[in-house]
Protein backbone atom coordinates (compact mmCIF):
# COMPACT_ATOMS: atom_id res chain seq x y z
CA UNK A 1 95.21 151.79 92.11
CA UNK A 2 98.13 150.39 93.50
CA UNK A 3 101.19 148.71 92.01
CA UNK A 4 102.45 144.98 91.76
CA UNK A 5 106.02 143.64 92.26
CA UNK A 6 107.79 141.78 89.75
CA UNK A 7 107.52 138.65 91.99
CA UNK A 8 103.93 139.07 91.96
CA UNK A 9 103.36 139.63 88.20
CA UNK A 10 105.78 136.34 87.86
CA UNK A 11 103.30 134.26 89.99
CA UNK A 12 100.28 135.21 87.88
CA UNK A 13 102.21 134.72 84.71
CA UNK A 14 103.12 131.23 86.04
CA UNK A 15 99.55 130.59 86.80
CA UNK A 16 98.00 131.54 83.46
CA UNK A 17 100.88 129.89 81.75
CA UNK A 18 99.95 126.49 83.44
CA UNK A 19 96.37 127.05 82.68
CA UNK A 20 97.09 127.75 79.10
CA UNK A 21 99.57 124.65 78.89
CA UNK A 22 97.37 122.03 80.40
CA UNK A 23 94.08 123.47 78.47
CA UNK A 24 95.66 122.81 74.92
CA UNK A 25 93.60 125.96 73.64
CA UNK A 26 95.13 127.72 70.75
CA UNK A 27 94.37 131.37 71.86
CA UNK A 28 97.83 132.05 72.96
CA UNK A 29 97.58 135.90 71.85
CA UNK A 30 94.30 136.57 73.12
CA UNK A 31 95.32 135.11 76.68
CA UNK A 32 98.53 137.09 76.58
CA UNK A 33 96.79 140.41 75.52
CA UNK A 34 94.19 139.87 78.28
CA UNK A 35 96.98 139.44 80.83
CA UNK A 36 99.06 142.44 79.67
CA UNK A 37 95.83 144.84 79.59
CA UNK A 38 95.16 143.56 83.21
CA UNK A 39 98.82 144.11 84.35
CA UNK A 40 99.83 147.47 82.40
CA UNK A 41 97.80 149.74 84.91
CA UNK A 42 99.51 148.35 87.63
CA UNK A 43 102.94 148.58 86.11
CA UNK A 44 102.53 152.11 84.54
CA UNK A 45 101.54 153.61 88.04
CA UNK A 46 103.39 157.15 88.46
CA UNK A 47 105.82 155.79 91.17
CA UNK A 48 107.36 153.16 88.92
CA UNK A 49 110.49 153.45 87.17
CA UNK A 50 109.10 151.57 84.03
CA UNK A 51 112.05 151.00 82.18
CA UNK A 52 113.78 149.34 85.13
CA UNK A 53 110.75 147.59 86.04
CA UNK A 54 110.48 146.01 82.79
CA UNK A 55 114.33 145.19 82.41
CA UNK A 56 113.74 143.13 85.71
CA UNK A 57 110.40 141.58 84.34
CA UNK A 58 112.07 140.43 81.17
CA UNK A 59 115.04 138.79 82.98
CA UNK A 60 112.62 136.95 84.98
CA UNK A 61 110.54 135.80 82.18
CA UNK A 62 113.88 134.46 80.31
CA UNK A 63 114.72 132.74 83.43
CA UNK A 64 111.30 131.14 83.78
CA UNK A 65 111.34 130.01 80.23
CA UNK A 66 115.07 128.30 80.69
CA UNK A 67 114.06 126.70 83.76
CA UNK A 68 111.25 125.07 81.88
CA UNK A 69 113.67 123.80 79.40
CA UNK A 70 113.28 119.80 80.05
CA UNK A 71 111.14 117.60 81.99
CA UNK A 72 112.55 116.37 85.24
CA UNK A 73 111.79 112.61 85.16
CA UNK A 74 112.27 112.41 89.01
CA UNK A 75 109.68 114.68 89.76
CA UNK A 76 105.79 113.75 90.53
CA UNK A 77 103.37 115.51 88.64
CA UNK A 78 105.75 117.31 86.34
CA UNK A 79 104.05 118.78 83.13
CA UNK A 80 104.54 116.92 80.09
CA UNK A 81 107.07 118.27 77.43
CA UNK A 82 104.15 119.52 75.56
CA UNK A 83 102.82 121.56 78.50
CA UNK A 84 106.33 122.78 79.25
CA UNK A 85 106.64 123.92 75.58
CA UNK A 86 103.39 125.78 75.81
CA UNK A 87 104.33 127.25 79.03
CA UNK A 88 107.62 128.47 77.51
CA UNK A 89 105.72 129.84 74.85
CA UNK A 90 103.29 131.83 76.95
CA UNK A 91 106.29 133.41 78.68
CA UNK A 92 108.01 134.34 75.40
CA UNK A 93 104.89 135.72 74.15
CA UNK A 94 104.22 137.90 76.76
CA UNK A 95 107.87 139.09 76.91
CA UNK A 96 107.44 140.01 73.17
CA UNK A 97 103.88 141.73 73.94
CA UNK A 98 105.42 144.00 76.48
CA UNK A 99 108.48 144.86 74.29
CA UNK A 100 106.16 145.86 71.48
CA UNK A 101 103.99 148.08 73.73
CA UNK A 102 107.41 149.41 75.10
CA UNK A 103 108.51 150.16 71.51
CA UNK A 104 105.13 151.88 70.64
CA UNK A 105 105.40 154.16 73.64
CA UNK A 106 108.87 155.13 73.04
């Protein structure tokens, strides 16, 4: 099994967050858990410095949440404020989920 870069993880997370936000479903925890389960074997590979990897991932998740802070009225196809909020929730929930897993592993 290979590894996955932080950038590749962020691409997957962004895609899943957009699908979650657009769908209006209320299964955030299930979606986050499923994605984390999918990613964990790729992140916990023997050649990966896990603490450093997660530090970079958490920084990117936080930055993504901040970048979704408001609707840009000048952009076409921009998600609604509700969709942006749901995307921010997805990023925050994934970060929290991984923080809990790290705490349990320590």
